[in-house]
C-alpha atoms as a PDB file:
ATOM      1  CA  MET A   1     -29.707   1.201 130.129  1.00  0.00           C
ATOM      2  CA  ASN A   2     -31.144  -1.871 128.445  1.00  0.00           C
ATOM      3  CA  LYS A   3     -28.847  -2.819 125.607  1.00  0.00           C
ATOM      4  CA  ILE A   4     -30.196  -3.677 122.160  1.00  0.00           C
ATOM      5  CA  PRO A   5     -29.543  -7.351 121.354  1.00  0.00           C
ATOM      6  CA  VAL A   6     -28.071  -7.711 117.860  1.00  0.00           C
ATOM      7  CA  TRP A   7     -26.815 -10.526 115.661  1.00  0.00           C
ATOM      8  CA  ILE A   8     -24.422  -9.660 112.810  1.00  0.00           C
ATOM      9  CA  ASP A   9     -24.337 -11.845 109.692  1.00  0.00           C
ATOM     10  CA  THR A  10     -21.243 -11.041 107.638  1.00  0.00           C
ATOM     11  CA  ASP A  11     -19.174 -12.047 104.604  1.00  0.00           C
ATOM     12  CA  THR A  12     -16.254 -10.444 106.402  1.00  0.00           C
ATOM     13  CA  GLY A  13     -14.553  -8.211 103.901  1.00  0.00           C
ATOM     14  CA  VAL A  14     -13.047  -4.764 104.274  1.00  0.00           C
ATOM     15  CA  ASP A  15     -16.151  -2.735 105.172  1.00  0.00           C
ATOM     16  CA  ASP A  16     -17.536  -5.636 107.223  1.00  0.00           C
ATOM     17  CA  ALA A  17     -14.407  -5.360 109.356  1.00  0.00           C
ATOM     18  CA  VAL A  18     -15.148  -1.666 109.918  1.00  0.00           C
ATOM     19  CA  ALA A  19     -18.657  -2.616 111.018  1.00  0.00           C
ATOM     20  CA  LEU A  20     -17.334  -5.222 113.465  1.00  0.00           C
ATOM     21  CA  VAL A  21     -14.795  -2.777 114.887  1.00  0.00           C
ATOM     22  CA  THR A  22     -17.495  -0.135 115.296  1.00  0.00           C
ATOM     23  CA  ALA A  23     -19.976  -2.617 116.773  1.00  0.00           C
ATOM     24  CA  SER A  24     -17.453  -3.623 119.412  1.00  0.00           C
ATOM     25  CA  THR A  25     -17.427  -0.051 120.745  1.00  0.00           C
ATOM     26  CA  LEU A  26     -21.176   0.674 120.716  1.00  0.00           C
ATOM     27  CA  LYS A  27     -22.288   0.675 124.337  1.00  0.00           C
ATOM     28  CA  GLU A  28     -25.934   0.706 123.252  1.00  0.00           C
ATOM     29  CA  ILE A  29     -25.847  -2.839 121.851  1.00  0.00           C
ATOM     30  CA  ASN A  30     -25.064  -6.338 122.998  1.00  0.00           C
ATOM     31  CA  ILE A  31     -23.588  -8.531 120.250  1.00  0.00           C
ATOM     32  CA  GLU A  32     -25.406 -11.822 120.803  1.00  0.00           C
ATOM     33  CA  GLY A  33     -23.569 -13.628 118.019  1.00  0.00           C
ATOM     34  CA  VAL A  34     -21.925 -13.314 114.622  1.00  0.00           C
ATOM     35  CA  SER A  35     -22.412 -15.597 111.638  1.00  0.00           C
ATOM     36  CA  ALA A  36     -20.233 -15.876 108.558  1.00  0.00           C
ATOM     37  CA  VAL A  37     -21.371 -16.394 104.976  1.00  0.00           C
ATOM     38  CA  ALA A  38     -19.630 -16.598 101.620  1.00  0.00           C
ATOM     39  CA  GLY A  39     -19.863 -13.436  99.535  1.00  0.00           C
ATOM     40  CA  ASN A  40     -17.121 -10.825  99.429  1.00  0.00           C
ATOM     41  CA  THR A  41     -14.780 -13.747  99.988  1.00  0.00           C
ATOM     42  CA  SER A  42     -14.962 -17.479 100.700  1.00  0.00           C
ATOM     43  CA  LEU A  43     -16.708 -18.788 103.799  1.00  0.00           C
ATOM     44  CA  GLU A  44     -13.339 -19.938 105.148  1.00  0.00           C
ATOM     45  CA  ASN A  45     -11.974 -16.395 104.881  1.00  0.00           C
ATOM     46  CA  ALA A  46     -15.147 -14.751 106.171  1.00  0.00           C
ATOM     47  CA  PHE A  47     -15.269 -17.042 109.228  1.00  0.00           C
ATOM     48  CA  ARG A  48     -11.590 -16.545 110.021  1.00  0.00           C
ATOM     49  CA  ASN A  49     -11.725 -12.788 109.470  1.00  0.00           C
ATOM     50  CA  ALA A  50     -14.732 -12.321 111.736  1.00  0.00           C
ATOM     51  CA  ARG A  51     -13.009 -14.249 114.514  1.00  0.00           C
ATOM     52  CA  ASP A  52      -9.708 -12.438 114.040  1.00  0.00           C
ATOM     53  CA  VAL A  53     -11.197  -8.930 113.917  1.00  0.00           C
ATOM     54  CA  LEU A  54     -13.224  -9.584 117.057  1.00  0.00           C
ATOM     55  CA  SER A  55     -10.094 -10.899 118.756  1.00  0.00           C
ATOM     56  CA  LEU A  56      -8.146  -7.817 117.687  1.00  0.00           C
ATOM     57  CA  VAL A  57     -10.700  -5.543 119.359  1.00  0.00           C
ATOM     58  CA  GLY A  58     -10.797  -7.605 122.535  1.00  0.00           C
ATOM     59  CA  ARG A  59     -14.118  -9.353 121.889  1.00  0.00           C
ATOM     60  CA  LYS A  60     -13.162 -13.037 121.818  1.00  0.00           C
ATOM     61  CA  ASP A  61     -16.233 -13.559 123.978  1.00  0.00           C
ATOM     62  CA  VAL A  62     -18.485 -13.057 120.918  1.00  0.00           C
ATOM     63  CA  LYS A  63     -19.215 -16.425 119.343  1.00  0.00           C
ATOM     64  CA  VAL A  64     -18.813 -16.729 115.569  1.00  0.00           C
ATOM     65  CA  TYR A  65     -20.650 -19.411 113.580  1.00  0.00           C
ATOM     66  CA  ALA A  66     -19.930 -20.593 110.042  1.00  0.00           C
ATOM     67  CA  GLY A  67     -22.833 -20.679 107.618  1.00  0.00           C
ATOM     68  CA  ALA A  68     -23.299 -21.136 103.884  1.00  0.00           C
ATOM     69  CA  ASP A  69     -20.262 -21.588 101.648  1.00  0.00           C
ATOM     70  CA  LYS A  70     -22.202 -20.823  98.472  1.00  0.00           C
ATOM     71  CA  PRO A  71     -25.508 -19.295  97.320  1.00  0.00           C
ATOM     72  CA  LEU A  72     -28.681 -21.373  97.293  1.00  0.00           C
ATOM     73  CA  PHE A  73     -28.852 -22.139  93.572  1.00  0.00           C
ATOM     74  CA  ILE A  74     -26.054 -20.382  91.708  1.00  0.00           C
ATOM     75  CA  ASP A  75     -22.261 -20.332  91.728  1.00  0.00           C
ATOM     76  CA  LEU A  76     -20.443 -18.121  94.209  1.00  0.00           C
ATOM     77  CA  PHE A  77     -19.326 -14.729  92.896  1.00  0.00           C
ATOM     78  CA  THR A  78     -16.721 -13.042  95.103  1.00  0.00           C
ATOM     79  CA  ALA A  79     -15.218  -9.547  95.108  1.00  0.00           C
ATOM     80  CA  GLU A  80     -11.465 -10.055  95.322  1.00  0.00           C
ATOM     81  CA  TYR A  81     -11.046  -6.922  93.197  1.00  0.00           C
ATOM     82  CA  VAL A  82     -12.079  -4.907  96.280  1.00  0.00           C
ATOM     83  CA  HIS A  83     -11.469  -7.213  99.250  1.00  0.00           C
ATOM     84  CA  GLY A  84      -8.341  -9.044  98.114  1.00  0.00           C
ATOM     85  CA  SER A  85      -7.614 -12.760  98.198  1.00  0.00           C
ATOM     86  CA  ASN A  86      -8.016 -13.004 101.993  1.00  0.00           C
ATOM     87  CA  GLY A  87     -11.047 -10.716 102.325  1.00  0.00           C
ATOM     88  CA  LEU A  88      -9.109  -8.042 104.207  1.00  0.00           C
ATOM     89  CA  GLY A  89      -7.333  -6.498 101.248  1.00  0.00           C
ATOM     90  CA  GLY A  90      -4.216  -8.510 102.069  1.00  0.00           C
ATOM     91  CA  ALA A  91      -3.922  -7.044 105.570  1.00  0.00           C
ATOM     92  CA  GLN A  92      -2.564  -9.481 108.157  1.00  0.00           C
ATOM     93  CA  ILE A  93      -3.743  -9.584 111.771  1.00  0.00           C
ATOM     94  CA  PRO A  94      -3.120 -12.125 114.552  1.00  0.00           C
ATOM     95  CA  LEU A  95      -5.196 -15.300 114.440  1.00  0.00           C
ATOM     96  CA  SER A  96      -7.848 -15.657 117.112  1.00  0.00           C
ATOM     97  CA  ASP A  97      -7.318 -18.401 119.664  1.00  0.00           C
ATOM     98  CA  ALA A  98     -10.984 -18.404 120.725  1.00  0.00           C
ATOM     99  CA  PRO A  99     -12.665 -21.834 120.647  1.00  0.00           C
ATOM    100  CA  LYS A 100     -14.226 -22.560 117.263  1.00  0.00           C
ATOM    101  CA  GLU A 101     -17.990 -22.992 117.277  1.00  0.00           C
ATOM    102  CA  GLU A 102     -19.245 -26.092 115.458  1.00  0.00           C
ATOM    103  CA  LYS A 103     -22.964 -25.258 115.364  1.00  0.00           C
ATOM    104  CA  LYS A 104     -24.288 -24.078 112.001  1.00  0.00           C
ATOM    105  CA  ALA A 105     -25.064 -20.384 111.708  1.00  0.00           C
ATOM    106  CA  TRP A 106     -28.777 -20.785 110.963  1.00  0.00           C
ATOM    107  CA  ASP A 107     -29.325 -23.077 113.956  1.00  0.00           C
ATOM    108  CA  ALA A 108     -27.407 -20.788 116.311  1.00  0.00           C
ATOM    109  CA  LEU A 109     -29.334 -17.766 115.041  1.00  0.00           C
ATOM    110  CA  TYR A 110     -32.666 -19.509 115.508  1.00  0.00           C
ATOM    111  CA  GLU A 111     -31.825 -20.593 119.047  1.00  0.00           C
ATOM    112  CA  LYS A 112     -30.721 -17.105 120.035  1.00  0.00           C
ATOM    113  CA  ALA A 113     -33.760 -15.439 118.423  1.00  0.00           C
ATOM    114  CA  LYS A 114     -36.099 -17.836 120.226  1.00  0.00           C
ATOM    115  CA  GLU A 115     -34.252 -17.364 123.521  1.00  0.00           C
ATOM    116  CA  LEU A 116     -34.701 -13.591 123.250  1.00  0.00           C
ATOM    117  CA  ASN A 117     -38.391 -14.043 122.356  1.00  0.00           C
ATOM    118  CA  GLY A 118     -38.719 -11.511 119.553  1.00  0.00           C
ATOM    119  CA  GLU A 119     -36.275  -8.857 120.759  1.00  0.00           C
ATOM    120  CA  LEU A 120     -33.320  -9.767 118.527  1.00  0.00           C
ATOM    121  CA  ILE A 121     -32.326  -7.392 115.725  1.00  0.00           C
ATOM    122  CA  VAL A 122     -30.451  -9.161 112.938  1.00  0.00           C
ATOM    123  CA  ILE A 123     -27.966  -7.153 110.875  1.00  0.00           C
ATOM    124  CA  PRO A 124     -27.021  -8.987 107.656  1.00  0.00           C
ATOM    125  CA  VAL A 125     -24.235  -7.188 105.787  1.00  0.00           C
ATOM    126  CA  GLY A 126     -23.523  -9.863 103.172  1.00  0.00           C
ATOM    127  CA  PRO A 127     -25.600 -12.129 100.919  1.00  0.00           C
ATOM    128  CA  LEU A 128     -28.764 -13.307 102.638  1.00  0.00           C
ATOM    129  CA  THR A 129     -28.082 -17.034 102.283  1.00  0.00           C
ATOM    130  CA  ASN A 130     -27.809 -17.794 106.002  1.00  0.00           C
ATOM    131  CA  ILE A 131     -30.996 -15.889 106.783  1.00  0.00           C
ATOM    132  CA  ALA A 132     -32.927 -17.642 104.006  1.00  0.00           C
ATOM    133  CA  ILE A 133     -31.776 -21.060 105.231  1.00  0.00           C
ATOM    134  CA  ALA A 134     -32.799 -20.152 108.779  1.00  0.00           C
ATOM    135  CA  ILE A 135     -36.272 -19.218 107.520  1.00  0.00           C
ATOM    136  CA  ALA A 136     -36.577 -22.432 105.478  1.00  0.00           C
ATOM    137  CA  LYS A 137     -35.348 -24.722 108.254  1.00  0.00           C
ATOM    138  CA  HIS A 138     -37.040 -22.902 111.153  1.00  0.00           C
ATOM    139  CA  PRO A 139     -40.161 -21.196 109.704  1.00  0.00           C
ATOM    140  CA  ASP A 140     -41.245 -19.838 113.091  1.00  0.00           C
ATOM    141  CA  ILE A 141     -38.071 -17.754 113.282  1.00  0.00           C
ATOM    142  CA  ILE A 142     -40.080 -14.976 111.650  1.00  0.00           C
ATOM    143  CA  ASN A 143     -41.902 -14.614 114.967  1.00  0.00           C
ATOM    144  CA  TYR A 144     -38.681 -14.192 116.913  1.00  0.00           C
ATOM    145  CA  ILE A 145     -36.779 -11.595 114.891  1.00  0.00           C
ATOM    146  CA  ARG A 146     -37.697  -8.039 115.780  1.00  0.00           C
ATOM    147  CA  GLU A 147     -36.368  -6.653 112.504  1.00  0.00           C
ATOM    148  CA  LEU A 148     -33.754  -7.163 109.836  1.00  0.00           C
ATOM    149  CA  ASN A 149     -31.448  -4.214 109.206  1.00  0.00           C
ATOM    150  CA  ILE A 150     -29.961  -5.215 105.867  1.00  0.00           C
ATOM    151  CA  MET A 151     -27.088  -3.820 103.835  1.00  0.00           C
ATOM    152  CA  GLY A 152     -28.029  -4.658 100.273  1.00  0.00           C
ATOM    153  CA  GLY A 153     -29.942  -3.644  97.202  1.00  0.00           C
ATOM    154  CA  ALA A 154     -30.533  -0.336  95.468  1.00  0.00           C
ATOM    155  CA  LEU A 155     -33.656   1.422  94.323  1.00  0.00           C
ATOM    156  CA  ILE A 156     -31.659   3.054  91.535  1.00  0.00           C
ATOM    157  CA  GLY A 157     -28.657   1.511  89.815  1.00  0.00           C
ATOM    158  CA  GLY A 158     -26.194  -1.096  91.017  1.00  0.00           C
ATOM    159  CA  ASN A 159     -22.512  -1.791  91.563  1.00  0.00           C
ATOM    160  CA  VAL A 160     -22.158  -5.209  89.913  1.00  0.00           C
ATOM    161  CA  THR A 161     -24.522  -4.601  86.996  1.00  0.00           C
ATOM    162  CA  PRO A 162     -26.467  -1.470  86.043  1.00  0.00           C
ATOM    163  CA  CYS A 163     -29.370  -2.916  88.044  1.00  0.00           C
ATOM    164  CA  ALA A 164     -27.961  -4.947  90.914  1.00  0.00           C
ATOM    165  CA  GLU A 165     -26.021  -4.422  94.134  1.00  0.00           C
ATOM    166  CA  PHE A 166     -23.429  -7.045  95.107  1.00  0.00           C
ATOM    167  CA  ASN A 167     -25.025  -8.645  98.195  1.00  0.00           C
ATOM    168  CA  ILE A 168     -28.365  -9.197  96.471  1.00  0.00           C
ATOM    169  CA  TYR A 169     -26.831 -10.182  93.121  1.00  0.00           C
ATOM    170  CA  THR A 170     -24.690 -12.841  94.823  1.00  0.00           C
ATOM    171  CA  ASP A 171     -27.784 -14.739  96.034  1.00  0.00           C
ATOM    172  CA  PRO A 172     -31.025 -13.194  94.745  1.00  0.00           C
ATOM    173  CA  GLN A 173     -33.075 -16.309  95.493  1.00  0.00           C
ATOM    174  CA  ALA A 174     -32.089 -16.050  99.148  1.00  0.00           C
ATOM    175  CA  ALA A 175     -32.852 -12.325  99.150  1.00  0.00           C
ATOM    176  CA  GLU A 176     -36.315 -12.889  97.678  1.00  0.00           C
ATOM    177  CA  THR A 177     -37.002 -15.517 100.351  1.00  0.00           C
ATOM    178  CA  VAL A 178     -36.134 -12.955 103.022  1.00  0.00           C
ATOM    179  CA  PHE A 179     -38.049 -10.031 101.524  1.00  0.00           C
ATOM    180  CA  ARG A 180     -41.231 -12.088 101.218  1.00  0.00           C
ATOM    181  CA  SER A 181     -40.903 -13.600 104.713  1.00  0.00           C
ATOM    182  CA  GLY A 182     -43.034 -10.997 106.455  1.00  0.00           C
ATOM    183  CA  ILE A 183     -40.213  -9.947 108.801  1.00  0.00           C
ATOM    184  CA  LYS A 184     -39.890  -6.175 109.170  1.00  0.00           C
ATOM    185  CA  ILE A 185     -36.969  -5.073 106.973  1.00  0.00           C
ATOM    186  CA  ASN A 186     -34.919  -1.909 106.926  1.00  0.00           C
ATOM    187  CA  MET A 187     -32.935  -1.856 103.675  1.00  0.00           C
ATOM    188  CA  PHE A 188     -29.722   0.130 103.417  1.00  0.00           C
ATOM    189  CA  GLY A 189     -28.932  -0.006  99.734  1.00  0.00           C
ATOM    190  CA  LEU A 190     -26.549   1.951  97.563  1.00  0.00           C
ATOM    191  CA  ASP A 191     -28.998   4.872  97.588  1.00  0.00           C
ATOM    192  CA  VAL A 192     -27.839   5.672 101.124  1.00  0.00           C
ATOM    193  CA  THR A 193     -24.519   3.820 101.485  1.00  0.00           C
ATOM    194  CA  HIS A 194     -22.914   5.813  98.670  1.00  0.00           C
ATOM    195  CA  LYS A 195     -23.577   8.866 100.850  1.00  0.00           C
ATOM    196  CA  ALA A 196     -21.955   7.203 103.885  1.00  0.00           C
ATOM    197  CA  TYR A 197     -18.321   7.661 102.940  1.00  0.00           C
ATOM    198  CA  LEU A 198     -15.021   8.593 104.524  1.00  0.00           C
ATOM    199  CA  ASP A 199     -13.164  11.247 102.540  1.00  0.00           C
ATOM    200  CA  ASP A 200      -9.383  11.694 102.373  1.00  0.00           C
ATOM    201  CA  ALA A 201      -9.294  13.886 105.480  1.00  0.00           C
ATOM    202  CA  ASP A 202     -11.290  11.294 107.435  1.00  0.00           C
ATOM    203  CA  ILE A 203      -8.954   8.506 106.330  1.00  0.00           C
ATOM    204  CA  ASP A 204      -5.877  10.556 107.226  1.00  0.00           C
ATOM    205  CA  GLU A 205      -7.335  11.169 110.673  1.00  0.00           C
ATOM    206  CA  ILE A 206      -7.949   7.458 111.260  1.00  0.00           C
ATOM    207  CA  ARG A 207      -4.397   6.752 110.077  1.00  0.00           C
ATOM    208  CA  SER A 208      -3.090   9.258 112.637  1.00  0.00           C
ATOM    209  CA  TYR A 209      -4.563   7.254 115.533  1.00  0.00           C
ATOM    210  CA  ASP A 210      -1.660   4.838 114.977  1.00  0.00           C
ATOM    211  CA  ASN A 211      -3.065   1.829 116.812  1.00  0.00           C
ATOM    212  CA  PRO A 212      -3.419  -1.801 115.645  1.00  0.00           C
ATOM    213  CA  VAL A 213      -7.063  -1.310 114.669  1.00  0.00           C
ATOM    214  CA  SER A 214      -6.463   1.868 112.646  1.00  0.00           C
ATOM    215  CA  LYS A 215      -3.528   0.074 110.986  1.00  0.00           C
ATOM    216  CA  LEU A 216      -5.928  -2.677 109.903  1.00  0.00           C
ATOM    217  CA  PHE A 217      -8.178  -0.017 108.385  1.00  0.00           C
ATOM    218  CA  VAL A 218      -5.341   1.561 106.406  1.00  0.00           C
ATOM    219  CA  ASP A 219      -3.785  -1.727 105.287  1.00  0.00           C
ATOM    220  CA  SER A 220      -7.074  -3.340 104.251  1.00  0.00           C
ATOM    221  CA  ASN A 221      -8.501  -0.452 102.256  1.00  0.00           C
ATOM    222  CA  HIS A 222      -5.777   0.066  99.668  1.00  0.00           C
ATOM    223  CA  LEU A 223      -7.671  -1.728  96.879  1.00  0.00           C
ATOM    224  CA  LEU A 224     -10.707   0.439  97.608  1.00  0.00           C
ATOM    225  CA  TYR A 225      -8.671   3.597  97.028  1.00  0.00           C
ATOM    226  CA  ASP A 226      -8.022   2.512  93.435  1.00  0.00           C
ATOM    227  CA  TYR A 227     -11.617   1.348  92.992  1.00  0.00           C
ATOM    228  CA  ARG A 228     -12.846   4.690  94.290  1.00  0.00           C
ATOM    229  CA  GLU A 229     -10.764   6.569  91.727  1.00  0.00           C
ATOM    230  CA  LYS A 230     -12.057   4.350  88.940  1.00  0.00           C
ATOM    231  CA  LEU A 231     -15.691   5.076  89.819  1.00  0.00           C
ATOM    232  CA  HIS A 232     -15.108   8.735  90.769  1.00  0.00           C
ATOM    233  CA  TRP A 233     -16.470   8.319  94.307  1.00  0.00           C
ATOM    234  CA  LYS A 234     -16.056  11.104  96.827  1.00  0.00           C
ATOM    235  CA  GLY A 235     -14.534   8.704  99.337  1.00  0.00           C
ATOM    236  CA  VAL A 236     -14.489   5.161 100.707  1.00  0.00           C
ATOM    237  CA  CYS A 237     -18.064   4.026 101.287  1.00  0.00           C
ATOM    238  CA  GLU A 238     -18.755   2.311 104.607  1.00  0.00           C
ATOM    239  CA  HIS A 239     -21.769   0.356 103.393  1.00  0.00           C
ATOM    240  CA  ASP A 240     -21.930  -2.131 106.237  1.00  0.00           C
ATOM    241  CA  CYS A 241     -21.813   0.420 109.028  1.00  0.00           C
ATOM    242  CA  CYS A 242     -25.124   1.895 107.860  1.00  0.00           C
ATOM    243  CA  PRO A 243     -27.520  -0.741 109.255  1.00  0.00           C
ATOM    244  CA  LEU A 244     -25.350  -1.085 112.342  1.00  0.00           C
ATOM    245  CA  ILE A 245     -25.247   2.610 113.229  1.00  0.00           C
ATOM    246  CA  TYR A 246     -28.939   2.981 112.333  1.00  0.00           C
ATOM    247  CA  THR A 247     -29.707   0.414 115.027  1.00  0.00           C
ATOM    248  CA  VAL A 248     -28.522   2.860 117.696  1.00  0.00           C
ATOM    249  CA  HIS A 249     -29.051   6.162 115.865  1.00  0.00           C
ATOM    250  CA  PRO A 250     -32.169   5.781 113.682  1.00  0.00           C
ATOM    251  CA  ASP A 251     -32.704   9.548 113.640  1.00  0.00           C
ATOM    252  CA  TRP A 252     -29.522   9.989 111.578  1.00  0.00           C
ATOM    253  CA  PHE A 253     -31.183   8.287 108.592  1.00  0.00           C
ATOM    254  CA  GLU A 254     -34.118   9.070 106.294  1.00  0.00           C
ATOM    255  CA  GLY A 255     -36.171   6.403 104.534  1.00  0.00           C
ATOM    256  CA  GLN A 256     -39.452   5.591 102.850  1.00  0.00           C
ATOM    257  CA  LYS A 257     -41.781   2.658 103.458  1.00  0.00           C
ATOM    258  CA  CYS A 258     -42.207   0.457 100.417  1.00  0.00           C
ATOM    259  CA  GLY A 259     -42.426  -3.080  99.121  1.00  0.00           C
ATOM    260  CA  ILE A 260     -39.375  -4.779  97.621  1.00  0.00           C
ATOM    261  CA  TYR A 261     -39.333  -7.660  95.140  1.00  0.00           C
ATOM    262  CA  VAL A 262     -36.061  -9.286  94.086  1.00  0.00           C
ATOM    263  CA  GLU A 263     -35.655 -10.241  90.432  1.00  0.00           C
ATOM    264  CA  THR A 264     -34.414 -13.829  90.180  1.00  0.00           C
ATOM    265  CA  GLN A 265     -35.143 -14.652  86.529  1.00  0.00           C
ATOM    266  CA  GLY A 266     -33.891 -11.820  84.373  1.00  0.00           C
ATOM    267  CA  THR A 267     -30.545 -11.466  82.668  1.00  0.00           C
ATOM    268  CA  ILE A 268     -29.843  -7.742  82.665  1.00  0.00           C
ATOM    269  CA  THR A 269     -32.120  -7.277  85.697  1.00  0.00           C
ATOM    270  CA  PHE A 270     -30.943 -10.348  87.643  1.00  0.00           C
ATOM    271  CA  GLY A 271     -30.587  -9.415  91.318  1.00  0.00           C
ATOM    272  CA  LYS A 272     -32.413  -6.086  91.076  1.00  0.00           C
ATOM    273  CA  THR A 273     -34.399  -4.938  94.113  1.00  0.00           C
ATOM    274  CA  VAL A 274     -37.616  -3.693  92.513  1.00  0.00           C
ATOM    275  CA  SER A 275     -39.473  -1.133  94.612  1.00  0.00           C
ATOM    276  CA  ASP A 276     -43.105  -0.042  94.514  1.00  0.00           C
ATOM    277  CA  LEU A 277     -42.163   3.282  96.117  1.00  0.00           C
ATOM    278  CA  TRP A 278     -42.946   5.560  93.184  1.00  0.00           C
ATOM    279  CA  THR A 279     -45.938   3.675  91.731  1.00  0.00           C
ATOM    280  CA  ASP A 280     -49.597   3.093  92.510  1.00  0.00           C
ATOM    281  CA  PHE A 281     -48.943  -0.644  92.235  1.00  0.00           C
ATOM    282  CA  LYS A 282     -48.030  -2.133  95.604  1.00  0.00           C
ATOM    283  CA  PHE A 283     -46.423  -5.432  96.576  1.00  0.00           C
ATOM    284  CA  GLU A 284     -48.625  -6.970  99.243  1.00  0.00           C
ATOM    285  CA  ASP A 285     -47.311  -8.094 102.624  1.00  0.00           C
ATOM    286  CA  ARG A 286     -43.784  -6.779 102.150  1.00  0.00           C
ATOM    287  CA  HIS A 287     -42.880  -4.627 105.115  1.00  0.00           C
ATOM    288  CA  CYS A 288     -39.789  -2.680 104.164  1.00  0.00           C
ATOM    289  CA  THR A 289     -38.306   0.754 104.676  1.00  0.00           C
ATOM    290  CA  ALA A 290     -35.707   1.726 102.081  1.00  0.00           C
ATOM    291  CA  PHE A 291     -33.238   4.298 103.354  1.00  0.00           C
ATOM    292  CA  LEU A 292     -32.135   7.110 101.097  1.00  0.00           C
ATOM    293  CA  ASN A 293     -30.179   9.647 103.184  1.00  0.00           C
ATOM    294  CA  VAL A 294     -27.802   9.792 106.129  1.00  0.00           C
ATOM    295  CA  ASP A 295     -26.308  12.552 108.260  1.00  0.00           C
ATOM    296  CA  ARG A 296     -22.786  11.892 107.018  1.00  0.00           C
ATOM    297  CA  GLU A 297     -21.049  14.093 109.559  1.00  0.00           C
ATOM    298  CA  LYS A 298     -22.553  12.252 112.530  1.00  0.00           C
ATOM    299  CA  PHE A 299     -22.104   8.868 110.831  1.00  0.00           C
ATOM    300  CA  VAL A 300     -18.420   9.463 110.152  1.00  0.00           C
ATOM    301  CA  GLY A 301     -17.937  10.859 113.641  1.00  0.00           C
ATOM    302  CA  ARG A 302     -19.184   7.622 115.199  1.00  0.00           C
ATOM    303  CA  ILE A 303     -16.774   5.525 113.125  1.00  0.00           C
ATOM    304  CA  LYS A 304     -13.863   7.789 114.048  1.00  0.00           C
ATOM    305  CA  GLU A 305     -14.849   7.561 117.704  1.00  0.00           C
ATOM    306  CA  ALA A 306     -14.660   3.769 117.439  1.00  0.00           C
ATOM    307  CA  TYR A 307     -11.167   3.730 115.922  1.00  0.00           C
ATOM    308  CA  ARG A 308      -9.884   6.417 118.243  1.00  0.00           C
ATOM    309  CA  SER A 309     -10.887   4.368 121.280  1.00  0.00           C
ATOM    310  CA  PHE A 310      -8.179   1.783 120.674  1.00  0.00           C
END
């Protein structure tokens, strides 16, 4: 079987860690590289966490590259209220002893995309700063990325403001650069990720696996339990696993083709992903599919399978 080459760009927080754990067990993909970006937590934390999680799951062979430590034009806004001061909800795992890569994330991504000659799928699950810099510095990268499977945005509502989702709100100028780039984009916003949750029974089952990786899950998610209660969610949403699992199981998701414009000037609407889905007006040359539904049972089953395997 030919494996799907993927690159994961992450602001390694709690749900990013779940995505990395799950990715490490997906036999259908080959992780060509991982890049870290500031978002959920600082770049220093995100870089360290990505390395440490990959080490924990036995994937020290995957190279991790540090990228942007702040958004393009605005101050960094982090989410310690969910991800804790270290990005992993305070959970402690052994430090990776893998060699540290010195190359910048956007250069490493460009080189890998060009090497694979248009076959690389990029999965950004944090702010899009690294991807925007790659496009600005290496404009021909748009010819070498097969598609971007992005966690970010929302057609309806938000989770930072009434209009904006965190990853887009944190660097909307970068997001707008990416959405207007012409690269094929699959957007997994809150419309679908709020349906991709683990309920109490699912969490209890993962806890029962009683291995170092399931312990990380339990220890890192405690702030999310309180946040979930505050917002009356049905469970703990695994936002960042959506674009990852879609990459190998696209039939588990339902979406609609549309154009997406990112609001970079408003106050109340700052960071909103504006869709032309339900209007006659269409944004030209914006090739996006916004996903709205997921087969939760199959989705959750794949995450459990990953944690059970350790």
